[in-house]
Amino acid sequence: MKIYNQLKAFIELVFPHVCLVCGNSLFVFEMEICHRCLQRLPKTGFECLADNPVEQLFWGKVKLDGATSMYYYRKEEKVQRLIHEVKYHGNKYLGYELGRQFGGVLKKASGFNSSTVIIPVPLHFRKLRLRGFNQSEVIARGMAKTTDMEINTTCLVRNVHTASQTKKSKFERWQNVEGIFSVTDETAIANQHILLVDDVVTTGSTLEACVVAIQKAQPATVRVATLACAYL
């Protein structure tokens, strides 16, 4: 044990465990981002607001029992940097911790805490193989930890590999994802209250396509929760 503690101290000296936002050293109970910076991230509060801007993205398109995002996503600001750290630099620990924080918020929100199963938006197997993990699944697993909800990563699949949505118009985004998702196990979502999880929502086209696939397979109750939303 003494040798282990000495080795741990040496590693922390060479590779200090610091906050990804402010660069200060983290306390033992903190993961990837310090408590102070977590509190300063731009929260939306949409989980307590009916007809909020995220819900409005889906009006007249699909039937949802609620939609929310935890943070505002703005270019060149903290939330974008954190999500890019997860998505493009493989920091699964950060994704899990942000998901854990999000789950803690939703557990107290009456419109979301009745959900029974979390389904992360799936990646096509080619992109999953290239990236090595699904960032939405990592976030969802953190949420499942604090909400005690089940998580299902196999019943919803992406059948078609599509180009990045980043530089596409709203209409092009919808064309890019129309009909590319399907449900492989209808019994897994029967009579469930589904919480569909993704990292960022911009136009809602990807999530809309997922909801269409789910509700085509089963008349399930669906709510949407994304870690962040582009500034609406």
C-alpha atoms as a PDB file:
ATOM      1  CA  MET A   1       0.000   0.000   0.000  1.00  0.00           C
ATOM      2  CA  LYS A   2       2.876   2.362   0.820  1.00  0.00           C
ATOM      3  CA  ILE A   3       4.471   1.741  -2.584  1.00  0.00           C
ATOM      4  CA  TYR A   4       1.082   2.286  -4.289  1.00  0.00           C
ATOM      5  CA  ASN A   5       0.575   5.621  -2.512  1.00  0.00           C
ATOM      6  CA  GLN A   6       4.078   6.741  -3.400  1.00  0.00           C
ATOM      7  CA  LEU A   7       3.542   5.795  -7.044  1.00  0.00           C
ATOM      8  CA  LYS A   8       0.196   7.594  -7.100  1.00  0.00           C
ATOM      9  CA  ALA A   9       1.770  10.719  -5.602  1.00  0.00           C
ATOM     10  CA  PHE A  10       4.546  10.611  -8.209  1.00  0.00           C
ATOM     11  CA  ILE A  11       2.062  10.251 -11.100  1.00  0.00           C
ATOM     12  CA  GLU A  12      -0.022  13.144  -9.795  1.00  0.00           C
ATOM     13  CA  LEU A  13       3.116  15.250  -9.518  1.00  0.00           C
ATOM     14  CA  VAL A  14       4.143  14.543 -13.123  1.00  0.00           C
ATOM     15  CA  PHE A  15       0.592  14.496 -14.504  1.00  0.00           C
ATOM     16  CA  PRO A  16      -1.418  16.725 -12.154  1.00  0.00           C
ATOM     17  CA  HIS A  17      -5.166  16.164 -12.074  1.00  0.00           C
ATOM     18  CA  VAL A  18      -6.471  19.610 -12.983  1.00  0.00           C
ATOM     19  CA  CYS A  19      -9.795  21.143 -13.947  1.00  0.00           C
ATOM     20  CA  LEU A  20     -10.299  21.205 -17.722  1.00  0.00           C
ATOM     21  CA  VAL A  21     -11.874  24.658 -17.507  1.00  0.00           C
ATOM     22  CA  CYS A  22      -9.761  26.708 -15.082  1.00  0.00           C
ATOM     23  CA  GLY A  23      -6.617  24.569 -14.797  1.00  0.00           C
ATOM     24  CA  ASN A  24      -6.640  24.483 -10.989  1.00  0.00           C
ATOM     25  CA  SER A  25      -5.928  21.258  -9.113  1.00  0.00           C
ATOM     26  CA  LEU A  26      -8.933  19.064  -8.429  1.00  0.00           C
ATOM     27  CA  PHE A  27      -9.926  17.797  -5.011  1.00  0.00           C
ATOM     28  CA  VAL A  28     -10.236  14.052  -4.456  1.00  0.00           C
ATOM     29  CA  PHE A  29     -14.037  14.096  -4.884  1.00  0.00           C
ATOM     30  CA  GLU A  30     -13.907  16.111  -8.145  1.00  0.00           C
ATOM     31  CA  MET A  31     -13.734  14.536 -11.603  1.00  0.00           C
ATOM     32  CA  GLU A  32     -12.338  16.356 -14.674  1.00  0.00           C
ATOM     33  CA  ILE A  33     -13.940  19.674 -13.769  1.00  0.00           C
ATOM     34  CA  CYS A  34     -13.993  21.484 -10.430  1.00  0.00           C
ATOM     35  CA  HIS A  35     -17.178  22.217  -8.526  1.00  0.00           C
ATOM     36  CA  ARG A  36     -16.777  25.964  -8.958  1.00  0.00           C
ATOM     37  CA  CYS A  37     -16.555  25.717 -12.765  1.00  0.00           C
ATOM     38  CA  LEU A  38     -19.481  23.284 -12.882  1.00  0.00           C
ATOM     39  CA  GLN A  39     -21.628  25.842 -11.090  1.00  0.00           C
ATOM     40  CA  ARG A  40     -20.585  28.552 -13.553  1.00  0.00           C
ATOM     41  CA  LEU A  41     -21.476  26.663 -16.741  1.00  0.00           C
ATOM     42  CA  PRO A  42     -24.428  28.321 -18.537  1.00  0.00           C
ATOM     43  CA  LYS A  43     -27.440  26.246 -17.463  1.00  0.00           C
ATOM     44  CA  THR A  44     -30.760  26.574 -19.299  1.00  0.00           C
ATOM     45  CA  GLY A  45     -33.213  25.541 -16.566  1.00  0.00           C
ATOM     46  CA  PHE A  46     -35.432  24.160 -19.346  1.00  0.00           C
ATOM     47  CA  GLU A  47     -36.245  20.990 -17.360  1.00  0.00           C
ATOM     48  CA  CYS A  48     -38.636  23.115 -15.271  1.00  0.00           C
ATOM     49  CA  LEU A  49     -40.008  25.190 -18.154  1.00  0.00           C
ATOM     50  CA  ALA A  50     -42.966  23.972 -20.213  1.00  0.00           C
ATOM     51  CA  ASP A  51     -42.908  24.863 -23.926  1.00  0.00           C
ATOM     52  CA  ASN A  52     -39.224  25.719 -23.673  1.00  0.00           C
ATOM     53  CA  PRO A  53     -37.140  26.419 -26.818  1.00  0.00           C
ATOM     54  CA  VAL A  54     -35.938  22.797 -27.112  1.00  0.00           C
ATOM     55  CA  GLU A  55     -39.504  21.499 -27.023  1.00  0.00           C
ATOM     56  CA  GLN A  56     -40.455  24.054 -29.662  1.00  0.00           C
ATOM     57  CA  LEU A  57     -37.953  22.523 -32.094  1.00  0.00           C
ATOM     58  CA  PHE A  58     -40.236  19.483 -32.325  1.00  0.00           C
ATOM     59  CA  TRP A  59     -43.624  21.211 -32.481  1.00  0.00           C
ATOM     60  CA  GLY A  60     -45.701  19.967 -35.416  1.00  0.00           C
ATOM     61  CA  LYS A  61     -43.164  17.234 -36.212  1.00  0.00           C
ATOM     62  CA  VAL A  62     -43.285  14.499 -33.561  1.00  0.00           C
ATOM     63  CA  LYS A  63     -45.171  13.956 -30.321  1.00  0.00           C
ATOM     64  CA  LEU A  64     -42.968  14.334 -27.250  1.00  0.00           C
ATOM     65  CA  ASP A  65     -43.795  14.355 -23.560  1.00  0.00           C
ATOM     66  CA  GLY A  66     -40.955  16.772 -22.889  1.00  0.00           C
ATOM     67  CA  ALA A  67     -37.580  17.989 -24.097  1.00  0.00           C
ATOM     68  CA  THR A  68     -34.708  19.755 -22.384  1.00  0.00           C
ATOM     69  CA  SER A  69     -31.019  20.579 -22.466  1.00  0.00           C
ATOM     70  CA  MET A  70     -28.819  21.225 -19.468  1.00  0.00           C
ATOM     71  CA  TYR A  71     -26.405  23.802 -20.940  1.00  0.00           C
ATOM     72  CA  TYR A  72     -26.271  26.444 -23.641  1.00  0.00           C
ATOM     73  CA  TYR A  73     -23.770  25.627 -26.383  1.00  0.00           C
ATOM     74  CA  ARG A  74     -21.958  28.612 -27.897  1.00  0.00           C
ATOM     75  CA  LYS A  75     -18.961  28.582 -30.215  1.00  0.00           C
ATOM     76  CA  GLU A  76     -15.574  29.167 -28.604  1.00  0.00           C
ATOM     77  CA  GLU A  77     -17.043  28.996 -25.088  1.00  0.00           C
ATOM     78  CA  LYS A  78     -16.678  26.562 -22.198  1.00  0.00           C
ATOM     79  CA  VAL A  79     -19.443  24.072 -22.990  1.00  0.00           C
ATOM     80  CA  GLN A  80     -18.299  23.671 -26.594  1.00  0.00           C
ATOM     81  CA  ARG A  81     -14.727  23.033 -25.396  1.00  0.00           C
ATOM     82  CA  LEU A  82     -15.902  20.433 -22.894  1.00  0.00           C
ATOM     83  CA  ILE A  83     -18.060  18.587 -25.425  1.00  0.00           C
ATOM     84  CA  HIS A  84     -15.235  18.627 -27.972  1.00  0.00           C
ATOM     85  CA  GLU A  85     -12.957  17.225 -25.274  1.00  0.00           C
ATOM     86  CA  VAL A  86     -15.359  14.305 -24.931  1.00  0.00           C
ATOM     87  CA  LYS A  87     -16.255  13.845 -28.578  1.00  0.00           C
ATOM     88  CA  TYR A  88     -12.971  14.411 -30.367  1.00  0.00           C
ATOM     89  CA  HIS A  89     -10.349  13.782 -27.677  1.00  0.00           C
ATOM     90  CA  GLY A  90     -11.883  10.642 -26.209  1.00  0.00           C
ATOM     91  CA  ASN A  91     -12.344  11.957 -22.668  1.00  0.00           C
ATOM     92  CA  LYS A  92     -15.006   9.469 -21.586  1.00  0.00           C
ATOM     93  CA  TYR A  93     -14.502  10.318 -17.906  1.00  0.00           C
ATOM     94  CA  LEU A  94     -15.609  13.897 -18.583  1.00  0.00           C
ATOM     95  CA  GLY A  95     -18.640  12.736 -20.592  1.00  0.00           C
ATOM     96  CA  TYR A  96     -19.656  10.400 -17.792  1.00  0.00           C
ATOM     97  CA  GLU A  97     -19.281  13.120 -15.160  1.00  0.00           C
ATOM     98  CA  LEU A  98     -21.307  15.661 -17.160  1.00  0.00           C
ATOM     99  CA  GLY A  99     -23.961  12.988 -17.661  1.00  0.00           C
ATOM    100  CA  ARG A 100     -23.935  12.273 -13.935  1.00  0.00           C
ATOM    101  CA  GLN A 101     -24.530  15.948 -13.210  1.00  0.00           C
ATOM    102  CA  PHE A 102     -27.338  16.074 -15.779  1.00  0.00           C
ATOM    103  CA  GLY A 103     -28.970  12.981 -14.296  1.00  0.00           C
ATOM    104  CA  GLY A 104     -28.947  14.600 -10.869  1.00  0.00           C
ATOM    105  CA  VAL A 105     -30.853  17.577 -12.266  1.00  0.00           C
ATOM    106  CA  LEU A 106     -33.432  15.444 -14.111  1.00  0.00           C
ATOM    107  CA  LYS A 107     -33.997  13.269 -11.048  1.00  0.00           C
ATOM    108  CA  LYS A 108     -35.532  16.324  -9.371  1.00  0.00           C
ATOM    109  CA  ALA A 109     -37.570  17.399 -12.424  1.00  0.00           C
ATOM    110  CA  SER A 110     -41.135  16.083 -12.317  1.00  0.00           C
ATOM    111  CA  GLY A 111     -41.449  16.099 -16.090  1.00  0.00           C
ATOM    112  CA  PHE A 112     -38.498  13.722 -16.554  1.00  0.00           C
ATOM    113  CA  ASN A 113     -38.035  11.589 -13.449  1.00  0.00           C
ATOM    114  CA  SER A 114     -40.830   9.212 -14.452  1.00  0.00           C
ATOM    115  CA  SER A 115     -38.810   7.941 -17.424  1.00  0.00           C
ATOM    116  CA  THR A 116     -38.007   4.234 -17.170  1.00  0.00           C
ATOM    117  CA  VAL A 117     -35.315   3.616 -19.790  1.00  0.00           C
ATOM    118  CA  ILE A 118     -32.549   5.741 -21.297  1.00  0.00           C
ATOM    119  CA  ILE A 119     -31.726   5.269 -24.977  1.00  0.00           C
ATOM    120  CA  PRO A 120     -28.673   7.135 -26.334  1.00  0.00           C
ATOM    121  CA  VAL A 121     -28.731   8.218 -29.976  1.00  0.00           C
ATOM    122  CA  PRO A 122     -26.698   5.506 -31.739  1.00  0.00           C
ATOM    123  CA  LEU A 123     -23.720   5.894 -34.060  1.00  0.00           C
ATOM    124  CA  HIS A 124     -23.338   3.886 -37.244  1.00  0.00           C
ATOM    125  CA  PHE A 125     -20.918   1.004 -36.692  1.00  0.00           C
ATOM    126  CA  ARG A 126     -18.380   2.577 -39.071  1.00  0.00           C
ATOM    127  CA  LYS A 127     -18.238   5.821 -37.101  1.00  0.00           C
ATOM    128  CA  LEU A 128     -18.277   3.885 -33.825  1.00  0.00           C
ATOM    129  CA  ARG A 129     -15.292   1.839 -34.984  1.00  0.00           C
ATOM    130  CA  LEU A 130     -13.457   5.004 -36.081  1.00  0.00           C
ATOM    131  CA  ARG A 131     -14.155   6.986 -32.883  1.00  0.00           C
ATOM    132  CA  GLY A 132     -13.975   4.013 -30.526  1.00  0.00           C
ATOM    133  CA  PHE A 133     -17.011   4.997 -28.455  1.00  0.00           C
ATOM    134  CA  ASN A 134     -20.379   6.723 -28.651  1.00  0.00           C
ATOM    135  CA  GLN A 135     -20.265  10.029 -26.760  1.00  0.00           C
ATOM    136  CA  SER A 136     -24.052   9.990 -26.273  1.00  0.00           C
ATOM    137  CA  GLU A 137     -23.833   6.556 -24.653  1.00  0.00           C
ATOM    138  CA  VAL A 138     -21.101   7.755 -22.278  1.00  0.00           C
ATOM    139  CA  ILE A 139     -23.282  10.710 -21.236  1.00  0.00           C
ATOM    140  CA  ALA A 140     -26.299   8.402 -20.885  1.00  0.00           C
ATOM    141  CA  ARG A 141     -24.378   6.022 -18.624  1.00  0.00           C
ATOM    142  CA  GLY A 142     -23.523   8.916 -16.314  1.00  0.00           C
ATOM    143  CA  MET A 143     -27.198   9.902 -16.273  1.00  0.00           C
ATOM    144  CA  ALA A 144     -28.247   6.323 -15.518  1.00  0.00           C
ATOM    145  CA  LYS A 145     -25.904   6.303 -12.525  1.00  0.00           C
ATOM    146  CA  THR A 146     -27.665   9.175 -10.772  1.00  0.00           C
ATOM    147  CA  THR A 147     -31.235   8.457 -11.911  1.00  0.00           C
ATOM    148  CA  ASP A 148     -31.188   4.666 -11.383  1.00  0.00           C
ATOM    149  CA  MET A 149     -32.878   4.279 -14.781  1.00  0.00           C
ATOM    150  CA  GLU A 150     -32.106   1.356 -17.028  1.00  0.00           C
ATOM    151  CA  ILE A 151     -30.092   2.012 -20.172  1.00  0.00           C
ATOM    152  CA  ASN A 152     -30.612   0.258 -23.511  1.00  0.00           C
ATOM    153  CA  THR A 153     -27.937   0.664 -26.184  1.00  0.00           C
ATOM    154  CA  THR A 154     -29.068  -2.027 -28.615  1.00  0.00           C
ATOM    155  CA  CYS A 155     -32.773  -1.568 -29.385  1.00  0.00           C
ATOM    156  CA  LEU A 156     -32.279   1.541 -31.549  1.00  0.00           C
ATOM    157  CA  VAL A 157     -29.744   1.375 -34.390  1.00  0.00           C
ATOM    158  CA  ARG A 158     -28.460   3.640 -37.131  1.00  0.00           C
ATOM    159  CA  ASN A 159     -28.653   1.735 -40.399  1.00  0.00           C
ATOM    160  CA  VAL A 160     -27.005   4.258 -42.709  1.00  0.00           C
ATOM    161  CA  HIS A 161     -23.677   6.048 -42.384  1.00  0.00           C
ATOM    162  CA  THR A 162     -24.290   9.755 -43.025  1.00  0.00           C
ATOM    163  CA  ALA A 163     -22.073  12.773 -43.528  1.00  0.00           C
ATOM    164  CA  SER A 164     -21.463  15.219 -40.698  1.00  0.00           C
ATOM    165  CA  GLN A 165     -24.345  17.583 -39.956  1.00  0.00           C
ATOM    166  CA  THR A 166     -22.107  20.467 -38.897  1.00  0.00           C
ATOM    167  CA  LYS A 167     -22.236  22.643 -42.028  1.00  0.00           C
ATOM    168  CA  LYS A 168     -25.653  21.597 -43.344  1.00  0.00           C
ATOM    169  CA  SER A 169     -28.780  23.726 -43.490  1.00  0.00           C
ATOM    170  CA  LYS A 170     -31.879  22.798 -41.492  1.00  0.00           C
ATOM    171  CA  PHE A 171     -33.499  21.102 -44.499  1.00  0.00           C
ATOM    172  CA  GLU A 172     -30.264  19.335 -45.472  1.00  0.00           C
ATOM    173  CA  ARG A 173     -29.916  18.040 -41.899  1.00  0.00           C
ATOM    174  CA  TRP A 174     -33.357  16.458 -42.092  1.00  0.00           C
ATOM    175  CA  GLN A 175     -32.638  14.913 -45.521  1.00  0.00           C
ATOM    176  CA  ASN A 176     -29.371  13.563 -44.137  1.00  0.00           C
ATOM    177  CA  VAL A 177     -31.048  11.528 -41.374  1.00  0.00           C
ATOM    178  CA  GLU A 178     -34.517  10.761 -42.729  1.00  0.00           C
ATOM    179  CA  GLY A 179     -35.287   7.066 -42.270  1.00  0.00           C
ATOM    180  CA  ILE A 180     -31.795   6.040 -41.144  1.00  0.00           C
ATOM    181  CA  PHE A 181     -32.804   4.726 -37.687  1.00  0.00           C
ATOM    182  CA  SER A 182     -34.772   1.592 -36.829  1.00  0.00           C
ATOM    183  CA  VAL A 183     -35.838  -0.386 -33.766  1.00  0.00           C
ATOM    184  CA  THR A 184     -34.425  -3.913 -33.516  1.00  0.00           C
ATOM    185  CA  ASP A 185     -36.362  -5.051 -30.455  1.00  0.00           C
ATOM    186  CA  GLU A 186     -39.906  -3.708 -30.161  1.00  0.00           C
ATOM    187  CA  THR A 187     -40.545  -5.546 -26.891  1.00  0.00           C
ATOM    188  CA  ALA A 188     -37.709  -3.603 -25.228  1.00  0.00           C
ATOM    189  CA  ILE A 189     -39.583  -0.317 -25.655  1.00  0.00           C
ATOM    190  CA  ALA A 190     -43.165  -1.555 -25.234  1.00  0.00           C
ATOM    191  CA  ASN A 191     -44.967   0.306 -22.420  1.00  0.00           C
ATOM    192  CA  GLN A 192     -41.794   2.203 -21.553  1.00  0.00           C
ATOM    193  CA  HIS A 193     -41.272   5.886 -20.805  1.00  0.00           C
ATOM    194  CA  ILE A 194     -38.202   6.543 -22.934  1.00  0.00           C
ATOM    195  CA  LEU A 195     -35.586   9.220 -22.307  1.00  0.00           C
ATOM    196  CA  LEU A 196     -33.749   9.752 -25.606  1.00  0.00           C
ATOM    197  CA  VAL A 197     -30.276  11.200 -24.972  1.00  0.00           C
ATOM    198  CA  ASP A 198     -27.795  13.035 -27.208  1.00  0.00           C
ATOM    199  CA  ASP A 199     -24.865  15.374 -26.694  1.00  0.00           C
ATOM    200  CA  VAL A 200     -26.030  18.528 -28.540  1.00  0.00           C
ATOM    201  CA  VAL A 201     -29.250  19.573 -30.259  1.00  0.00           C
ATOM    202  CA  THR A 202     -29.193  22.202 -33.002  1.00  0.00           C
ATOM    203  CA  THR A 203     -32.184  21.778 -35.324  1.00  0.00           C
ATOM    204  CA  GLY A 204     -33.452  18.541 -33.733  1.00  0.00           C
ATOM    205  CA  SER A 205     -33.436  16.606 -37.016  1.00  0.00           C
ATOM    206  CA  THR A 206     -31.421  13.636 -35.716  1.00  0.00           C
ATOM    207  CA  LEU A 207     -33.515  13.292 -32.577  1.00  0.00           C
ATOM    208  CA  GLU A 208     -36.700  13.721 -34.604  1.00  0.00           C
ATOM    209  CA  ALA A 209     -35.663  10.820 -36.860  1.00  0.00           C
ATOM    210  CA  CYS A 210     -35.030   8.675 -33.764  1.00  0.00           C
ATOM    211  CA  VAL A 211     -38.446   9.493 -32.305  1.00  0.00           C
ATOM    212  CA  VAL A 212     -40.130   8.644 -35.617  1.00  0.00           C
ATOM    213  CA  ALA A 213     -38.392   5.229 -35.664  1.00  0.00           C
ATOM    214  CA  ILE A 214     -39.341   4.506 -32.039  1.00  0.00           C
ATOM    215  CA  GLN A 215     -42.973   5.545 -32.382  1.00  0.00           C
ATOM    216  CA  LYS A 216     -43.312   3.706 -35.680  1.00  0.00           C
ATOM    217  CA  ALA A 217     -42.302   0.511 -33.858  1.00  0.00           C
ATOM    218  CA  GLN A 218     -44.276   1.128 -30.651  1.00  0.00           C
ATOM    219  CA  PRO A 219     -46.584   3.906 -29.407  1.00  0.00           C
ATOM    220  CA  ALA A 220     -44.076   4.736 -26.676  1.00  0.00           C
ATOM    221  CA  THR A 221     -43.866   7.806 -24.476  1.00  0.00           C
ATOM    222  CA  VAL A 222     -40.695   9.691 -25.431  1.00  0.00           C
ATOM    223  CA  ARG A 223     -38.833  12.561 -23.815  1.00  0.00           C
ATOM    224  CA  VAL A 224     -35.644  14.133 -25.167  1.00  0.00           C
ATOM    225  CA  ALA A 225     -32.655  15.230 -23.075  1.00  0.00           C
ATOM    226  CA  THR A 226     -29.449  16.626 -24.521  1.00  0.00           C
ATOM    227  CA  LEU A 227     -26.424  17.772 -22.607  1.00  0.00           C
ATOM    228  CA  ALA A 228     -26.424  21.049 -24.498  1.00  0.00           C
ATOM    229  CA  CYS A 229     -28.375  23.028 -27.063  1.00  0.00           C
ATOM    230  CA  ALA A 230     -27.077  25.468 -29.632  1.00  0.00           C
ATOM    231  CA  TYR A 231     -28.085  28.932 -28.476  1.00  0.00           C
ATOM    232  CA  LEU A 232     -31.807  29.213 -29.271  1.00  0.00           C
END
